[in-house]
Amino acid sequence: MWFVTALMRADSPGDNAALAGVAEFKAAYQAWDGARFKAAADFFRQACTNAPASCTTFYWLGAAEFHRALQLHSLPVTPANTLTADASLDAAQAALLTAVKLDPKHAESHALLGTIYGMKIDGNLLRAARFGPRVARHEKLALESGADNPRVRYLLGTCQFHTAKGPAAQREALATFLLAEKLFAAESRQTAGPLDPRWGRSSCLTFIGRTYELLGQRAEAANYFRRALVEHPADHAATAGLERLAQTN
């Protein structure tokens, strides 16, 4: 854990914990490791305690808990995994609501909240009536403040993807993902600050592949799955996509 020791030389206790959390989050994302997402969330929770007025630390806590929930959803379904994933999603929601209270224009927090509410609907009509307006509200606020933010566009695309009922809607999701891909490429040419988020690019490529697969464009789908795996070899969804394509040859 040499990187944590190095980060602890930062200026303030809040910064120390936040920087350690970012390092742990990056490692967790690359390995797709639930235990490390939990460790990242613990660092960010400490950072929020140290700096309770920081939108950035609450955003990162929400992002870490959100990804912990996603990682648990990628595992075999068990009561324990489902319970823990739901708790992480609730923790992400609470942290992100605090983030947008501290900064009402924090686009990525709004985009994550819209995604979380969409996940909570999960095809249920009663939950759709409850959470649907929240999805629309947070997506609108995210786009108002972050139209050129790649994670905003990527997260909006995932919502479109999961609610698409046919080819026309799938092509709309694809257009959103392709725009996000361009924005990620532009972002990669910019120098990132120590607390600037840089997650999402490889997952966006995977979703492009999944959308092309649904549209029957197999060569394009395979290309994007392979590109995602170059950036993120632990991407189980890209691996599964390539396996599906191989089985249907």
Protein backbone atom coordinates (compact mmCIF):
# COMPACT_ATOMS: atom_id res chain seq x y z
CA MET A 1 0.00 0.00 0.00
CA TRP A 2 2.91 2.32 -0.75
CA PHE A 3 0.64 4.67 -2.71
CA VAL A 4 -1.50 5.33 0.38
CA THR A 5 1.59 6.28 2.40
CA ALA A 6 2.67 8.68 -0.32
CA LEU A 7 -0.76 10.24 -0.55
CA MET A 8 -0.90 10.80 3.19
CA ARG A 9 1.71 13.53 2.71
CA ALA A 10 -0.95 15.79 1.18
CA ASP A 11 -1.96 19.08 2.76
CA SER A 12 -5.02 18.27 4.88
CA PRO A 13 -6.69 15.22 6.46
CA GLY A 14 -9.63 15.58 4.06
CA ASP A 15 -7.30 15.68 1.07
CA ASN A 16 -5.30 12.75 2.41
CA ALA A 17 -8.31 10.48 2.62
CA ALA A 18 -9.77 11.67 -0.68
CA LEU A 19 -6.51 11.13 -2.58
CA ALA A 20 -6.10 7.69 -1.04
CA GLY A 21 -9.69 6.96 -2.05
CA VAL A 22 -9.08 7.97 -5.66
CA ALA A 23 -6.01 5.70 -5.84
CA GLU A 24 -8.00 2.80 -4.37
CA PHE A 25 -10.95 3.48 -6.70
CA LYS A 26 -8.69 3.38 -9.76
CA ALA A 27 -7.19 0.07 -8.63
CA ALA A 28 -10.67 -1.33 -7.89
CA TYR A 29 -11.99 -0.26 -11.29
CA GLN A 30 -9.08 -1.77 -13.19
CA ALA A 31 -9.32 -5.11 -11.33
CA TRP A 32 -13.13 -4.92 -10.95
CA ASP A 33 -12.61 -5.75 -7.28
CA GLY A 34 -15.52 -5.28 -4.89
CA ALA A 35 -13.37 -5.31 -1.77
CA ARG A 36 -11.29 -2.47 -3.15
CA PHE A 37 -14.39 -0.46 -4.08
CA LYS A 38 -15.45 -0.87 -0.45
CA ALA A 39 -12.00 0.28 0.70
CA ALA A 40 -12.26 3.31 -1.60
CA ALA A 41 -15.69 4.12 -0.18
CA ASP A 42 -14.27 3.92 3.35
CA PHE A 43 -11.55 6.44 2.44
CA PHE A 44 -14.11 8.78 0.89
CA ARG A 45 -16.42 8.43 3.89
CA GLN A 46 -13.55 9.57 6.09
CA ALA A 47 -12.87 12.44 3.67
CA CYS A 48 -16.53 13.50 3.94
CA THR A 49 -16.24 13.50 7.72
CA ASN A 50 -13.08 15.60 7.50
CA ALA A 51 -14.52 18.00 4.91
CA PRO A 52 -18.35 17.95 5.25
CA ALA A 53 -18.81 20.91 2.92
CA SER A 54 -16.93 19.33 -0.01
CA CYS A 55 -19.14 18.36 -2.94
CA THR A 56 -16.18 16.55 -4.50
CA THR A 57 -15.71 14.07 -1.66
CA PHE A 58 -19.43 13.25 -1.50
CA TYR A 59 -19.42 12.77 -5.28
CA TRP A 60 -16.52 10.33 -4.99
CA LEU A 61 -18.22 8.46 -2.14
CA GLY A 62 -21.29 8.11 -4.34
CA ALA A 63 -19.22 6.95 -7.31
CA ALA A 64 -17.41 4.34 -5.21
CA GLU A 65 -20.61 2.94 -3.69
CA PHE A 66 -22.29 2.96 -7.12
CA HIS A 67 -19.48 0.90 -8.62
CA ARG A 68 -19.46 -1.42 -5.65
CA ALA A 69 -23.14 -2.10 -6.36
CA LEU A 70 -22.39 -2.69 -10.06
CA GLN A 71 -19.60 -5.12 -9.17
CA LEU A 72 -21.92 -7.06 -6.85
CA HIS A 73 -24.57 -7.20 -9.57
CA SER A 74 -21.97 -8.80 -11.86
CA LEU A 75 -21.58 -11.72 -9.44
CA PRO A 76 -23.88 -14.75 -9.15
CA VAL A 77 -27.21 -13.77 -7.64
CA THR A 78 -27.42 -14.65 -3.95
CA PRO A 79 -29.46 -13.08 -1.15
CA ALA A 80 -26.26 -11.75 0.46
CA ASN A 81 -24.99 -10.17 -2.77
CA THR A 82 -28.38 -8.62 -3.51
CA LEU A 83 -28.71 -7.20 0.00
CA THR A 84 -25.21 -5.71 -0.05
CA ALA A 85 -25.66 -4.29 -3.56
CA ASP A 86 -28.93 -2.63 -2.56
CA ALA A 87 -27.26 -1.13 0.52
CA SER A 88 -24.41 0.23 -1.62
CA LEU A 89 -26.87 1.74 -4.08
CA ASP A 90 -28.72 3.42 -1.21
CA ALA A 91 -25.41 4.73 0.18
CA ALA A 92 -24.48 6.07 -3.27
CA GLN A 93 -27.84 7.81 -3.55
CA ALA A 94 -27.48 9.46 -0.13
CA ALA A 95 -23.94 10.68 -0.87
CA LEU A 96 -24.88 12.07 -4.28
CA LEU A 97 -27.95 13.86 -2.92
CA THR A 98 -25.61 15.57 -0.48
CA ALA A 99 -23.24 16.41 -3.33
CA VAL A 100 -25.94 18.16 -5.38
CA LYS A 101 -27.18 19.95 -2.27
CA LEU A 102 -23.67 21.34 -1.81
CA ASP A 103 -23.34 22.11 -5.54
CA PRO A 104 -26.66 22.06 -7.45
CA LYS A 105 -24.78 22.22 -10.77
CA HIS A 106 -22.56 19.16 -10.22
CA ALA A 107 -23.39 17.40 -13.48
CA GLU A 108 -21.85 13.98 -12.80
CA SER A 109 -23.65 13.66 -9.48
CA HIS A 110 -26.96 14.40 -11.19
CA ALA A 111 -26.15 11.88 -13.94
CA LEU A 112 -25.32 9.19 -11.38
CA LEU A 113 -28.52 9.92 -9.46
CA GLY A 114 -30.57 9.57 -12.64
CA THR A 115 -28.89 6.23 -13.32
CA ILE A 116 -29.47 5.00 -9.77
CA TYR A 117 -33.17 5.88 -9.86
CA GLY A 118 -33.40 4.12 -13.22
CA MET A 119 -31.82 1.00 -11.71
CA LYS A 120 -34.31 1.10 -8.86
CA ILE A 121 -37.24 1.03 -11.30
CA ASP A 122 -36.02 -2.31 -12.69
CA GLY A 123 -39.05 -2.73 -14.95
CA ASN A 124 -41.60 -2.28 -12.14
CA LEU A 125 -44.54 -0.02 -13.08
CA LEU A 126 -45.18 1.17 -9.53
CA ARG A 127 -41.52 2.07 -9.05
CA ALA A 128 -41.53 3.72 -12.48
CA ALA A 129 -44.30 6.04 -11.34
CA ARG A 130 -42.28 6.88 -8.22
CA PHE A 131 -38.78 7.16 -9.63
CA GLY A 132 -39.39 8.04 -13.29
CA PRO A 133 -39.81 11.79 -12.66
CA ARG A 134 -36.60 11.77 -10.60
CA VAL A 135 -34.72 10.12 -13.46
CA ALA A 136 -35.95 12.79 -15.89
CA ARG A 137 -35.18 15.64 -13.47
CA HIS A 138 -31.62 14.59 -12.73
CA GLU A 139 -30.86 13.81 -16.38
CA LYS A 140 -32.11 17.29 -17.34
CA LEU A 141 -29.97 18.94 -14.66
CA ALA A 142 -26.95 16.86 -15.67
CA LEU A 143 -27.21 17.96 -19.29
CA GLU A 144 -27.77 21.60 -18.35
CA SER A 145 -24.44 21.71 -16.51
CA GLY A 146 -22.46 18.98 -18.25
CA ALA A 147 -23.48 18.56 -21.88
CA ASP A 148 -19.80 18.12 -22.83
CA ASN A 149 -18.95 15.82 -19.92
CA PRO A 150 -18.23 12.29 -21.21
CA ARG A 151 -19.53 10.54 -18.09
CA VAL A 152 -22.79 12.49 -18.26
CA ARG A 153 -23.34 11.36 -21.85
CA TYR A 154 -22.21 7.81 -21.10
CA LEU A 155 -24.56 7.47 -18.12
CA LEU A 156 -27.43 8.97 -20.13
CA GLY A 157 -26.69 6.39 -22.81
CA THR A 158 -26.91 3.52 -20.32
CA CYS A 159 -30.39 4.71 -19.30
CA GLN A 160 -31.43 4.88 -22.96
CA PHE A 161 -29.94 1.45 -23.60
CA HIS A 162 -31.80 -0.24 -20.75
CA THR A 163 -35.15 1.31 -21.69
CA ALA A 164 -34.84 0.94 -25.48
CA LYS A 165 -37.77 -1.06 -26.89
CA GLY A 166 -36.70 -1.36 -30.49
CA PRO A 167 -34.09 -0.49 -33.14
CA ALA A 168 -34.97 3.21 -33.31
CA ALA A 169 -34.47 3.67 -29.57
CA GLN A 170 -31.34 1.52 -29.68
CA ARG A 171 -29.89 3.77 -32.38
CA GLU A 172 -30.61 6.79 -30.17
CA ALA A 173 -28.65 5.12 -27.35
CA LEU A 174 -25.84 4.34 -29.79
CA ALA A 175 -25.65 7.98 -30.89
CA THR A 176 -25.33 9.04 -27.25
CA PHE A 177 -22.58 6.50 -26.60
CA LEU A 178 -20.67 7.52 -29.73
CA LEU A 179 -20.82 11.15 -28.63
CA ALA A 180 -19.55 10.10 -25.20
CA GLU A 181 -16.71 8.21 -26.89
CA LYS A 182 -15.61 11.41 -28.66
CA LEU A 183 -15.83 13.36 -25.41
CA PHE A 184 -13.76 10.72 -23.60
CA ALA A 185 -11.12 10.96 -26.33
CA ALA A 186 -10.98 14.74 -25.93
CA GLU A 187 -10.78 14.42 -22.15
CA SER A 188 -7.87 11.98 -22.43
CA ARG A 189 -5.81 14.74 -24.03
CA GLN A 190 -6.32 17.01 -21.02
CA THR A 191 -4.22 16.92 -17.87
CA ALA A 192 -6.22 15.58 -14.93
CA GLY A 193 -6.07 17.03 -11.44
CA PRO A 194 -5.59 14.62 -8.51
CA LEU A 195 -9.32 14.47 -7.74
CA ASP A 196 -10.61 14.72 -11.31
CA PRO A 197 -12.65 11.65 -12.35
CA ARG A 198 -11.46 9.68 -15.34
CA TRP A 199 -13.57 6.52 -15.10
CA GLY A 200 -16.07 5.27 -17.68
CA ARG A 201 -14.27 5.22 -21.02
CA SER A 202 -13.78 1.46 -21.33
CA SER A 203 -17.31 0.75 -20.11
CA CYS A 204 -18.64 3.16 -22.73
CA LEU A 205 -16.85 1.12 -25.41
CA THR A 206 -18.47 -2.03 -24.04
CA PHE A 207 -21.92 -0.47 -24.20
CA ILE A 208 -21.27 0.60 -27.79
CA GLY A 209 -20.44 -3.02 -28.52
CA ARG A 210 -23.60 -4.24 -26.78
CA THR A 211 -25.73 -1.77 -28.73
CA TYR A 212 -24.19 -2.76 -32.06
CA GLU A 213 -24.83 -6.39 -31.08
CA LEU A 214 -28.52 -5.67 -30.49
CA LEU A 215 -28.69 -3.93 -33.86
CA GLY A 216 -27.20 -7.00 -35.57
CA GLN A 217 -23.93 -5.28 -36.50
CA ARG A 218 -21.69 -8.07 -35.32
CA ALA A 219 -18.35 -6.90 -36.72
CA GLU A 220 -18.74 -3.48 -35.13
CA ALA A 221 -19.79 -5.08 -31.86
CA ALA A 222 -16.74 -7.35 -31.78
CA ASN A 223 -14.43 -4.44 -32.57
CA TYR A 224 -15.73 -2.40 -29.64
CA PHE A 225 -15.63 -5.35 -27.23
CA ARG A 226 -11.97 -5.91 -28.15
CA ARG A 227 -11.16 -2.22 -27.74
CA ALA A 228 -12.79 -2.22 -24.31
CA LEU A 229 -10.70 -5.20 -23.24
CA VAL A 230 -7.47 -3.52 -24.38
CA GLU A 231 -8.22 -0.69 -21.96
CA HIS A 232 -9.81 -2.83 -19.26
CA PRO A 233 -8.91 -6.56 -19.41
CA ALA A 234 -11.15 -7.30 -16.40
CA ASP A 235 -14.29 -6.08 -18.22
CA HIS A 236 -16.53 -9.13 -17.82
CA ALA A 237 -19.29 -7.66 -19.99
CA ALA A 238 -16.94 -7.20 -22.96
CA THR A 239 -15.61 -10.73 -22.51
CA ALA A 240 -19.14 -12.12 -22.36
CA GLY A 241 -20.04 -10.14 -25.48
CA LEU A 242 -17.23 -11.68 -27.48
CA GLU A 243 -18.21 -15.14 -26.22
CA ARG A 244 -21.81 -14.59 -27.35
CA LEU A 245 -20.67 -13.52 -30.78
CA ALA A 246 -18.38 -16.57 -31.09
CA GLN A 247 -21.21 -18.93 -30.13
CA THR A 248 -23.53 -17.56 -32.80
CA ASN A 249 -21.07 -17.75 -35.70
